[in-house]
Amino acid sequence: MCNALKIWVKNSYKEPEHNKQELKTEQVEIQKDIEDHGMDRKKHDKEKEIYRENYNNNRKDEEKWWIKSINLWLHAGDKNTSYFHKQETLRKFKDAII
């Protein structure tokens, strides 16, 4: 299952950075075509679709970096964690009925 997932990701998932370059070249081509031949409904829809894909790519990229930062924070731990752990342990001893 793990190998199948890795193969699927390799074949179907594009990094947002790679996809950004493709969208950028498509956008430039459409804008040149609009300048040369004028705007029509089809070109407008295509340009709108490229902007939407670019927006979604940026969101995915932000989400990826946010998840990475949270993951690093959880892995490294918070500097206050030991302090709060000690406070909780101390409170347990104080609250204990002897």
PDB file of N, CA and C in Angstrom:
ATOM      1  N   MET A   1       0.825  -1.196   0.000  1.00  0.00           N
ATOM      2  CA  MET A   1       0.000   0.000   0.000  1.00  0.00           C
ATOM      3  C   MET A   1       0.866   1.255   0.000  1.00  0.00           C
ATOM      4  N   CYS A   2       1.912   1.240   0.798  1.00  0.00           N
ATOM      5  CA  CYS A   2       2.791   2.407   0.901  1.00  0.00           C
ATOM      6  C   CYS A   2       3.481   2.688  -0.436  1.00  0.00           C
ATOM      7  N   ASN A   3       3.952   1.623  -1.094  1.00  0.00           N
ATOM      8  CA  ASN A   3       4.619   1.804  -2.386  1.00  0.00           C
ATOM      9  C   ASN A   3       3.644   2.312  -3.440  1.00  0.00           C
ATOM     10  N   ALA A   4       2.425   1.810  -3.405  1.00  0.00           N
ATOM     11  CA  ALA A   4       1.419   2.262  -4.361  1.00  0.00           C
ATOM     12  C   ALA A   4       1.122   3.748  -4.159  1.00  0.00           C
ATOM     13  N   LEU A   5       1.067   4.181  -2.904  1.00  0.00           N
ATOM     14  CA  LEU A   5       0.823   5.583  -2.601  1.00  0.00           C
ATOM     15  C   LEU A   5       1.977   6.454  -3.087  1.00  0.00           C
ATOM     16  N   LYS A   6       3.202   5.993  -2.868  1.00  0.00           N
ATOM     17  CA  LYS A   6       4.366   6.751  -3.330  1.00  0.00           C
ATOM     18  C   LYS A   6       4.362   6.905  -4.845  1.00  0.00           C
ATOM     19  N   ILE A   7       4.018   5.827  -5.547  1.00  0.00           N
ATOM     20  CA  ILE A   7       3.965   5.871  -7.011  1.00  0.00           C
ATOM     21  C   ILE A   7       2.871   6.830  -7.469  1.00  0.00           C
ATOM     22  N   TRP A   8       1.708   6.768  -6.806  1.00  0.00           N
ATOM     23  CA  TRP A   8       0.605   7.657  -7.170  1.00  0.00           C
ATOM     24  C   TRP A   8       0.999   9.121  -6.981  1.00  0.00           C
ATOM     25  N   VAL A   9       1.635   9.431  -5.851  1.00  0.00           N
ATOM     26  CA  VAL A   9       2.047  10.804  -5.573  1.00  0.00           C
ATOM     27  C   VAL A   9       3.051  11.270  -6.615  1.00  0.00           C
ATOM     28  N   LYS A  10       4.001  10.412  -6.950  1.00  0.00           N
ATOM     29  CA  LYS A  10       5.023  10.768  -7.928  1.00  0.00           C
ATOM     30  C   LYS A  10       4.408  11.066  -9.289  1.00  0.00           C
ATOM     31  N   ASN A  11       3.412  10.283  -9.688  1.00  0.00           N
ATOM     32  CA  ASN A  11       2.820  10.425 -11.017  1.00  0.00           C
ATOM     33  C   ASN A  11       1.749  11.508 -11.100  1.00  0.00           C
ATOM     34  N   SER A  12       1.011  11.726 -10.026  1.00  0.00           N
ATOM     35  CA  SER A  12      -0.140  12.619 -10.138  1.00  0.00           C
ATOM     36  C   SER A  12       0.028  13.956  -9.421  1.00  0.00           C
ATOM     37  N   TYR A  13       0.877  14.030  -8.437  1.00  0.00           N
ATOM     38  CA  TYR A  13       0.999  15.265  -7.662  1.00  0.00           C
ATOM     39  C   TYR A  13       2.144  16.107  -8.200  1.00  0.00           C
ATOM     40  N   LYS A  14       1.844  17.359  -8.491  1.00  0.00           N
ATOM     41  CA  LYS A  14       2.885  18.292  -8.920  1.00  0.00           C
ATOM     42  C   LYS A  14       3.139  19.268  -7.785  1.00  0.00           C
ATOM     43  N   GLU A  15       4.384  19.546  -7.558  1.00  0.00           N
ATOM     44  CA  GLU A  15       4.722  20.549  -6.566  1.00  0.00           C
ATOM     45  C   GLU A  15       4.160  21.892  -7.019  1.00  0.00           C
ATOM     46  N   PRO A  16       3.640  22.684  -6.098  1.00  0.00           N
ATOM     47  CA  PRO A  16       3.079  23.984  -6.479  1.00  0.00           C
ATOM     48  C   PRO A  16       4.075  24.866  -7.232  1.00  0.00           C
ATOM     49  N   GLU A  17       5.350  24.781  -6.881  1.00  0.00           N
ATOM     50  CA  GLU A  17       6.353  25.615  -7.544  1.00  0.00           C
ATOM     51  C   GLU A  17       6.476  25.255  -9.023  1.00  0.00           C
ATOM     52  N   HIS A  18       6.460  23.958  -9.328  1.00  0.00           N
ATOM     53  CA  HIS A  18       6.541  23.515 -10.724  1.00  0.00           C
ATOM     54  C   HIS A  18       5.301  23.951 -11.493  1.00  0.00           C
ATOM     55  N   ASN A  19       4.160  23.797 -10.878  1.00  0.00           N
ATOM     56  CA  ASN A  19       2.901  24.173 -11.508  1.00  0.00           C
ATOM     57  C   ASN A  19       2.809  25.683 -11.697  1.00  0.00           C
ATOM     58  N   LYS A  20       3.411  26.463 -10.803  1.00  0.00           N
ATOM     59  CA  LYS A  20       3.405  27.920 -10.924  1.00  0.00           C
ATOM     60  C   LYS A  20       4.087  28.360 -12.209  1.00  0.00           C
ATOM     61  N   GLN A  21       5.207  27.717 -12.525  1.00  0.00           N
ATOM     62  CA  GLN A  21       5.946  28.074 -13.742  1.00  0.00           C
ATOM     63  C   GLN A  21       5.106  27.790 -14.990  1.00  0.00           C
ATOM     64  N   GLU A  22       4.432  26.641 -15.015  1.00  0.00           N
ATOM     65  CA  GLU A  22       3.579  26.307 -16.153  1.00  0.00           C
ATOM     66  C   GLU A  22       2.442  27.321 -16.302  1.00  0.00           C
ATOM     67  N   LEU A  23       1.821  27.670 -15.183  1.00  0.00           N
ATOM     68  CA  LEU A  23       0.726  28.639 -15.221  1.00  0.00           C
ATOM     69  C   LEU A  23       1.213  30.009 -15.662  1.00  0.00           C
ATOM     70  N   LYS A  24       2.405  30.372 -15.234  1.00  0.00           N
ATOM     71  CA  LYS A  24       2.967  31.671 -15.607  1.00  0.00           C
ATOM     72  C   LYS A  24       3.175  31.754 -17.118  1.00  0.00           C
ATOM     73  N   THR A  25       3.737  30.691 -17.708  1.00  0.00           N
ATOM     74  CA  THR A  25       3.953  30.705 -19.158  1.00  0.00           C
ATOM     75  C   THR A  25       2.616  30.707 -19.903  1.00  0.00           C
ATOM     76  N   GLU A  26       1.638  29.950 -19.412  1.00  0.00           N
ATOM     77  CA  GLU A  26       0.309  29.957 -20.033  1.00  0.00           C
ATOM     78  C   GLU A  26      -0.319  31.339 -19.960  1.00  0.00           C
ATOM     79  N   GLN A  27      -0.156  31.983 -18.823  1.00  0.00           N
ATOM     80  CA  GLN A  27      -0.733  33.306 -18.630  1.00  0.00           C
ATOM     81  C   GLN A  27      -0.104  34.310 -19.593  1.00  0.00           C
ATOM     82  N   VAL A  28       1.204  34.255 -19.746  1.00  0.00           N
ATOM     83  CA  VAL A  28       1.896  35.165 -20.656  1.00  0.00           C
ATOM     84  C   VAL A  28       1.434  34.930 -22.094  1.00  0.00           C
ATOM     85  N   GLU A  29       1.299  33.665 -22.490  1.00  0.00           N
ATOM     86  CA  GLU A  29       0.845  33.347 -23.841  1.00  0.00           C
ATOM     87  C   GLU A  29      -0.563  33.877 -24.102  1.00  0.00           C
ATOM     88  N   ILE A  30      -1.453  33.710 -23.144  1.00  0.00           N
ATOM     89  CA  ILE A  30      -2.835  34.183 -23.317  1.00  0.00           C
ATOM     90  C   ILE A  30      -2.866  35.703 -23.398  1.00  0.00           C
ATOM     91  N   GLN A  31      -2.083  36.365 -22.542  1.00  0.00           N
ATOM     92  CA  GLN A  31      -2.076  37.824 -22.566  1.00  0.00           C
ATOM     93  C   GLN A  31      -1.515  38.360 -23.886  1.00  0.00           C
ATOM     94  N   LYS A  32      -0.492  37.695 -24.432  1.00  0.00           N
ATOM     95  CA  LYS A  32       0.035  38.104 -25.742  1.00  0.00           C
ATOM     96  C   LYS A  32      -1.021  37.896 -26.827  1.00  0.00           C
ATOM     97  N   ASP A  33      -1.729  36.765 -26.756  1.00  0.00           N
ATOM     98  CA  ASP A  33      -2.775  36.472 -27.727  1.00  0.00           C
ATOM     99  C   ASP A  33      -3.893  37.507 -27.643  1.00  0.00           C
ATOM    100  N   ILE A  34      -4.239  37.916 -26.435  1.00  0.00           N
ATOM    101  CA  ILE A  34      -5.279  38.936 -26.249  1.00  0.00           C
ATOM    102  C   ILE A  34      -4.825  40.272 -26.832  1.00  0.00           C
ATOM    103  N   GLU A  35      -3.555  40.617 -26.595  1.00  0.00           N
ATOM    104  CA  GLU A  35      -3.023  41.876 -27.138  1.00  0.00           C
ATOM    105  C   GLU A  35      -3.011  41.862 -28.662  1.00  0.00           C
ATOM    106  N   ASP A  36      -2.665  40.706 -29.233  1.00  0.00           N
ATOM    107  CA  ASP A  36      -2.555  40.620 -30.694  1.00  0.00           C
ATOM    108  C   ASP A  36      -3.909  40.518 -31.387  1.00  0.00           C
ATOM    109  N   HIS A  37      -4.821  39.714 -30.838  1.00  0.00           N
ATOM    110  CA  HIS A  37      -6.066  39.411 -31.549  1.00  0.00           C
ATOM    111  C   HIS A  37      -7.313  39.914 -30.844  1.00  0.00           C
ATOM    112  N   GLY A  38      -7.174  40.530 -29.708  1.00  0.00           N
ATOM    113  CA  GLY A  38      -8.335  41.047 -28.991  1.00  0.00           C
ATOM    114  C   GLY A  38      -8.931  40.009 -28.041  1.00  0.00           C
ATOM    115  N   MET A  39      -9.817  40.504 -27.205  1.00  0.00           N
ATOM    116  CA  MET A  39     -10.430  39.660 -26.162  1.00  0.00           C
ATOM    117  C   MET A  39     -11.719  39.049 -26.684  1.00  0.00           C
ATOM    118  N   ASP A  40     -11.917  37.783 -26.381  1.00  0.00           N
ATOM    119  CA  ASP A  40     -13.209  37.148 -26.612  1.00  0.00           C
ATOM    120  C   ASP A  40     -13.558  36.314 -25.380  1.00  0.00           C
ATOM    121  N   ARG A  41     -14.733  35.751 -25.376  1.00  0.00           N
ATOM    122  CA  ARG A  41     -15.238  35.028 -24.199  1.00  0.00           C
ATOM    123  C   ARG A  41     -14.347  33.843 -23.824  1.00  0.00           C
ATOM    124  N   LYS A  42     -13.887  33.104 -24.834  1.00  0.00           N
ATOM    125  CA  LYS A  42     -13.069  31.913 -24.596  1.00  0.00           C
ATOM    126  C   LYS A  42     -11.736  32.281 -23.934  1.00  0.00           C
ATOM    127  N   LYS A  43     -11.106  33.331 -24.431  1.00  0.00           N
ATOM    128  CA  LYS A  43      -9.827  33.774 -23.865  1.00  0.00           C
ATOM    129  C   LYS A  43     -10.018  34.304 -22.442  1.00  0.00           C
ATOM    130  N   HIS A  44     -11.118  35.023 -22.263  1.00  0.00           N
ATOM    131  CA  HIS A  44     -11.415  35.559 -20.930  1.00  0.00           C
ATOM    132  C   HIS A  44     -11.599  34.422 -19.924  1.00  0.00           C
ATOM    133  N   ASP A  45     -12.354  33.398 -20.323  1.00  0.00           N
ATOM    134  CA  ASP A  45     -12.587  32.255 -19.440  1.00  0.00           C
ATOM    135  C   ASP A  45     -11.284  31.515 -19.141  1.00  0.00           C
ATOM    136  N   LYS A  46     -10.432  31.376 -20.154  1.00  0.00           N
ATOM    137  CA  LYS A  46      -9.148  30.687 -19.967  1.00  0.00           C
ATOM    138  C   LYS A  46      -8.257  31.477 -19.005  1.00  0.00           C
ATOM    139  N   GLU A  47      -8.208  32.793 -19.186  1.00  0.00           N
ATOM    140  CA  GLU A  47      -7.408  33.634 -18.298  1.00  0.00           C
ATOM    141  C   GLU A  47      -7.931  33.567 -16.864  1.00  0.00           C
ATOM    142  N   LYS A  48      -9.237  33.574 -16.725  1.00  0.00           N
ATOM    143  CA  LYS A  48      -9.871  33.475 -15.405  1.00  0.00           C
ATOM    144  C   LYS A  48      -9.526  32.133 -14.743  1.00  0.00           C
ATOM    145  N   GLU A  49      -9.553  31.072 -15.531  1.00  0.00           N
ATOM    146  CA  GLU A  49      -9.216  29.741 -15.024  1.00  0.00           C
ATOM    147  C   GLU A  49      -7.762  29.685 -14.554  1.00  0.00           C
ATOM    148  N   ILE A  50      -6.863  30.308 -15.296  1.00  0.00           N
ATOM    149  CA  ILE A  50      -5.445  30.330 -14.913  1.00  0.00           C
ATOM    150  C   ILE A  50      -5.267  31.087 -13.601  1.00  0.00           C
ATOM    151  N   TYR A  51      -5.937  32.231 -13.468  1.00  0.00           N
ATOM    152  CA  TYR A  51      -5.849  32.980 -12.212  1.00  0.00           C
ATOM    153  C   TYR A  51      -6.365  32.148 -11.036  1.00  0.00           C
ATOM    154  N   ARG A  52      -7.463  31.429 -11.261  1.00  0.00           N
ATOM    155  CA  ARG A  52      -8.035  30.595 -10.202  1.00  0.00           C
ATOM    156  C   ARG A  52      -7.066  29.472  -9.816  1.00  0.00           C
ATOM    157  N   GLU A  53      -6.474  28.822 -10.806  1.00  0.00           N
ATOM    158  CA  GLU A  53      -5.508  27.759 -10.520  1.00  0.00           C
ATOM    159  C   GLU A  53      -4.292  28.304  -9.782  1.00  0.00           C
ATOM    160  N   ASN A  54      -3.848  29.493 -10.191  1.00  0.00           N
ATOM    161  CA  ASN A  54      -2.702  30.122  -9.533  1.00  0.00           C
ATOM    162  C   ASN A  54      -3.029  30.439  -8.074  1.00  0.00           C
ATOM    163  N   TYR A  55      -4.239  30.929  -7.836  1.00  0.00           N
ATOM    164  CA  TYR A  55      -4.680  31.221  -6.475  1.00  0.00           C
ATOM    165  C   TYR A  55      -4.707  29.943  -5.642  1.00  0.00           C
ATOM    166  N   ASN A  56      -5.283  28.871  -6.206  1.00  0.00           N
ATOM    167  CA  ASN A  56      -5.348  27.590  -5.492  1.00  0.00           C
ATOM    168  C   ASN A  56      -3.958  27.034  -5.222  1.00  0.00           C
ATOM    169  N   ASN A  57      -3.041  27.201  -6.161  1.00  0.00           N
ATOM    170  CA  ASN A  57      -1.658  26.761  -5.962  1.00  0.00           C
ATOM    171  C   ASN A  57      -1.005  27.504  -4.804  1.00  0.00           C
ATOM    172  N   ASN A  58      -1.230  28.805  -4.761  1.00  0.00           N
ATOM    173  CA  ASN A  58      -0.655  29.590  -3.671  1.00  0.00           C
ATOM    174  C   ASN A  58      -1.224  29.158  -2.328  1.00  0.00           C
ATOM    175  N   ARG A  59      -2.522  28.864  -2.296  1.00  0.00           N
ATOM    176  CA  ARG A  59      -3.140  28.377  -1.057  1.00  0.00           C
ATOM    177  C   ARG A  59      -2.542  27.037  -0.632  1.00  0.00           C
ATOM    178  N   LYS A  60      -2.370  26.134  -1.592  1.00  0.00           N
ATOM    179  CA  LYS A  60      -1.779  24.831  -1.282  1.00  0.00           C
ATOM    180  C   LYS A  60      -0.353  24.989  -0.756  1.00  0.00           C
ATOM    181  N   ASP A  61       0.395  25.893  -1.384  1.00  0.00           N
ATOM    182  CA  ASP A  61       1.774  26.134  -0.961  1.00  0.00           C
ATOM    183  C   ASP A  61       1.810  26.678   0.466  1.00  0.00           C
ATOM    184  N   GLU A  62       0.942  27.652   0.763  1.00  0.00           N
ATOM    185  CA  GLU A  62       0.874  28.203   2.116  1.00  0.00           C
ATOM    186  C   GLU A  62       0.485  27.126   3.121  1.00  0.00           C
ATOM    187  N   GLU A  63      -0.482  26.302   2.744  1.00  0.00           N
ATOM    188  CA  GLU A  63      -0.938  25.232   3.630  1.00  0.00           C
ATOM    189  C   GLU A  63       0.187  24.238   3.892  1.00  0.00           C
ATOM    190  N   LYS A  64       0.958  23.908   2.847  1.00  0.00           N
ATOM    191  CA  LYS A  64       2.070  22.970   2.999  1.00  0.00           C
ATOM    192  C   LYS A  64       3.104  23.524   3.981  1.00  0.00           C
ATOM    193  N   TRP A  65       3.447  24.802   3.839  1.00  0.00           N
ATOM    194  CA  TRP A  65       4.450  25.382   4.734  1.00  0.00           C
ATOM    195  C   TRP A  65       3.911  25.543   6.146  1.00  0.00           C
ATOM    196  N   TRP A  66       2.617  25.828   6.275  1.00  0.00           N
ATOM    197  CA  TRP A  66       2.021  25.938   7.603  1.00  0.00           C
ATOM    198  C   TRP A  66       2.064  24.587   8.305  1.00  0.00           C
ATOM    199  N   ILE A  67       1.705  23.519   7.595  1.00  0.00           N
ATOM    200  CA  ILE A  67       1.738  22.179   8.178  1.00  0.00           C
ATOM    201  C   ILE A  67       3.160  21.791   8.548  1.00  0.00           C
ATOM    202  N   LYS A  68       4.122  22.138   7.682  1.00  0.00           N
ATOM    203  CA  LYS A  68       5.526  21.835   7.999  1.00  0.00           C
ATOM    204  C   LYS A  68       5.974  22.563   9.259  1.00  0.00           C
ATOM    205  N   SER A  69       5.581  23.827   9.380  1.00  0.00           N
ATOM    206  CA  SER A  69       6.010  24.587  10.558  1.00  0.00           C
ATOM    207  C   SER A  69       5.375  24.028  11.827  1.00  0.00           C
ATOM    208  N   ILE A  70       4.101  23.653  11.765  1.00  0.00           N
ATOM    209  CA  ILE A  70       3.439  23.053  12.923  1.00  0.00           C
ATOM    210  C   ILE A  70       4.110  21.735  13.286  1.00  0.00           C
ATOM    211  N   ASN A  71       4.426  20.951  12.261  1.00  0.00           N
ATOM    212  CA  ASN A  71       5.077  19.666  12.482  1.00  0.00           C
ATOM    213  C   ASN A  71       6.447  19.855  13.147  1.00  0.00           C
ATOM    214  N   LEU A  72       7.217  20.819  12.672  1.00  0.00           N
ATOM    215  CA  LEU A  72       8.522  21.102  13.282  1.00  0.00           C
ATOM    216  C   LEU A  72       8.348  21.569  14.726  1.00  0.00           C
ATOM    217  N   TRP A  73       7.351  22.414  14.956  1.00  0.00           N
ATOM    218  CA  TRP A  73       7.118  22.918  16.302  1.00  0.00           C
ATOM    219  C   TRP A  73       6.750  21.769  17.233  1.00  0.00           C
ATOM    220  N   LEU A  74       5.885  20.871  16.773  1.00  0.00           N
ATOM    221  CA  LEU A  74       5.498  19.732  17.602  1.00  0.00           C
ATOM    222  C   LEU A  74       6.677  18.797  17.851  1.00  0.00           C
ATOM    223  N   HIS A  75       7.506  18.618  16.832  1.00  0.00           N
ATOM    224  CA  HIS A  75       8.658  17.723  16.969  1.00  0.00           C
ATOM    225  C   HIS A  75       9.696  18.312  17.924  1.00  0.00           C
ATOM    226  N   ALA A  76       9.981  19.591  17.765  1.00  0.00           N
ATOM    227  CA  ALA A  76      11.007  20.231  18.599  1.00  0.00           C
ATOM    228  C   ALA A  76      10.472  20.540  19.994  1.00  0.00           C
ATOM    229  N   GLY A  77       9.191  20.765  20.077  1.00  0.00           N
ATOM    230  CA  GLY A  77       8.599  21.092  21.374  1.00  0.00           C
ATOM    231  C   GLY A  77       8.652  22.576  21.653  1.00  0.00           C
ATOM    232  N   ASP A  78       7.848  22.972  22.571  1.00  0.00           N
ATOM    233  CA  ASP A  78       7.797  24.363  22.980  1.00  0.00           C
ATOM    234  C   ASP A  78       8.775  24.547  24.138  1.00  0.00           C
ATOM    235  N   LYS A  79       9.405  25.693  24.225  1.00  0.00           N
ATOM    236  CA  LYS A  79      10.371  25.934  25.296  1.00  0.00           C
ATOM    237  C   LYS A  79       9.698  25.995  26.666  1.00  0.00           C
ATOM    238  N   ASN A  80       8.405  26.266  26.692  1.00  0.00           N
ATOM    239  CA  ASN A  80       7.690  26.359  27.960  1.00  0.00           C
ATOM    240  C   ASN A  80       7.121  25.017  28.418  1.00  0.00           C
ATOM    241  N   THR A  81       7.248  23.983  27.606  1.00  0.00           N
ATOM    242  CA  THR A  81       6.620  22.704  27.926  1.00  0.00           C
ATOM    243  C   THR A  81       7.093  22.158  29.267  1.00  0.00           C
ATOM    244  N   SER A  82       8.397  22.176  29.511  1.00  0.00           N
ATOM    245  CA  SER A  82       8.909  21.626  30.772  1.00  0.00           C
ATOM    246  C   SER A  82       8.396  22.448  31.962  1.00  0.00           C
ATOM    247  N   TYR A  83       8.297  23.758  31.806  1.00  0.00           N
ATOM    248  CA  TYR A  83       7.792  24.612  32.869  1.00  0.00           C
ATOM    249  C   TYR A  83       6.356  24.226  33.237  1.00  0.00           C
ATOM    250  N   PHE A  84       5.498  24.107  32.225  1.00  0.00           N
ATOM    251  CA  PHE A  84       4.100  23.767  32.495  1.00  0.00           C
ATOM    252  C   PHE A  84       3.971  22.351  33.058  1.00  0.00           C
ATOM    253  N   HIS A  85       4.802  21.452  32.589  1.00  0.00           N
ATOM    254  CA  HIS A  85       4.778  20.090  33.121  1.00  0.00           C
ATOM    255  C   HIS A  85       5.145  20.087  34.614  1.00  0.00           C
ATOM    256  N   LYS A  86       6.158  20.858  34.986  1.00  0.00           N
ATOM    257  CA  LYS A  86       6.563  20.942  36.390  1.00  0.00           C
ATOM    258  C   LYS A  86       5.462  21.576  37.241  1.00  0.00           C
ATOM    259  N   GLN A  87       4.814  22.597  36.713  1.00  0.00           N
ATOM    260  CA  GLN A  87       3.727  23.246  37.449  1.00  0.00           C
ATOM    261  C   GLN A  87       2.578  22.270  37.695  1.00  0.00           C
ATOM    262  N   GLU A  88       2.244  21.501  36.689  1.00  0.00           N
ATOM    263  CA  GLU A  88       1.153  20.528  36.817  1.00  0.00           C
ATOM    264  C   GLU A  88       1.523  19.435  37.816  1.00  0.00           C
ATOM    265  N   THR A  89       2.746  18.952  37.769  1.00  0.00           N
ATOM    266  CA  THR A  89       3.196  17.925  38.708  1.00  0.00           C
ATOM    267  C   THR A  89       3.152  18.457  40.141  1.00  0.00           C
ATOM    268  N   LEU A  90       3.600  19.685  40.337  1.00  0.00           N
ATOM    269  CA  LEU A  90       3.583  20.310  41.653  1.00  0.00           C
ATOM    270  C   LEU A  90       2.146  20.453  42.164  1.00  0.00           C
ATOM    271  N   ARG A  91       1.232  20.857  41.295  1.00  0.00           N
ATOM    272  CA  ARG A  91      -0.163  20.998  41.692  1.00  0.00           C
ATOM    273  C   ARG A  91      -0.766  19.648  42.078  1.00  0.00           C
ATOM    274  N   LYS A  92      -0.388  18.593  41.364  1.00  0.00           N
ATOM    275  CA  LYS A  92      -0.891  17.257  41.709  1.00  0.00           C
ATOM    276  C   LYS A  92      -0.455  16.875  43.122  1.00  0.00           C
ATOM    277  N   PHE A  93       0.811  17.186  43.470  1.00  0.00           N
ATOM    278  CA  PHE A  93       1.312  16.875  44.816  1.00  0.00           C
ATOM    279  C   PHE A  93       0.574  17.703  45.871  1.00  0.00           C
ATOM    280  N   LYS A  94       0.333  18.973  45.580  1.00  0.00           N
ATOM    281  CA  LYS A  94      -0.372  19.834  46.530  1.00  0.00           C
ATOM    282  C   LYS A  94      -1.810  19.375  46.738  1.00  0.00           C
ATOM    283  N   ASP A  95      -2.469  18.974  45.634  1.00  0.00           N
ATOM    284  CA  ASP A  95      -3.872  18.582  45.694  1.00  0.00           C
ATOM    285  C   ASP A  95      -4.080  17.168  46.252  1.00  0.00           C
ATOM    286  N   ALA A  96      -3.026  16.418  46.351  1.00  0.00           N
ATOM    287  CA  ALA A  96      -3.163  15.030  46.814  1.00  0.00           C
ATOM    288  C   ALA A  96      -3.583  15.016  48.287  1.00  0.00           C
ATOM    289  N   ILE A  97      -4.489  14.127  48.623  1.00  0.00           N
ATOM    290  CA  ILE A  97      -4.924  13.962  50.008  1.00  0.00           C
ATOM    291  C   ILE A  97      -4.040  12.899  50.632  1.00  0.00           C
ATOM    292  N   ILE A  98      -3.425  13.254  51.724  1.00  0.00           N
ATOM    293  CA  ILE A  98      -2.501  12.327  52.378  1.00  0.00           C
ATOM    294  C   ILE A  98      -3.160  11.686  53.557  1.00  0.00           C
TER     295      ILE A  98
END
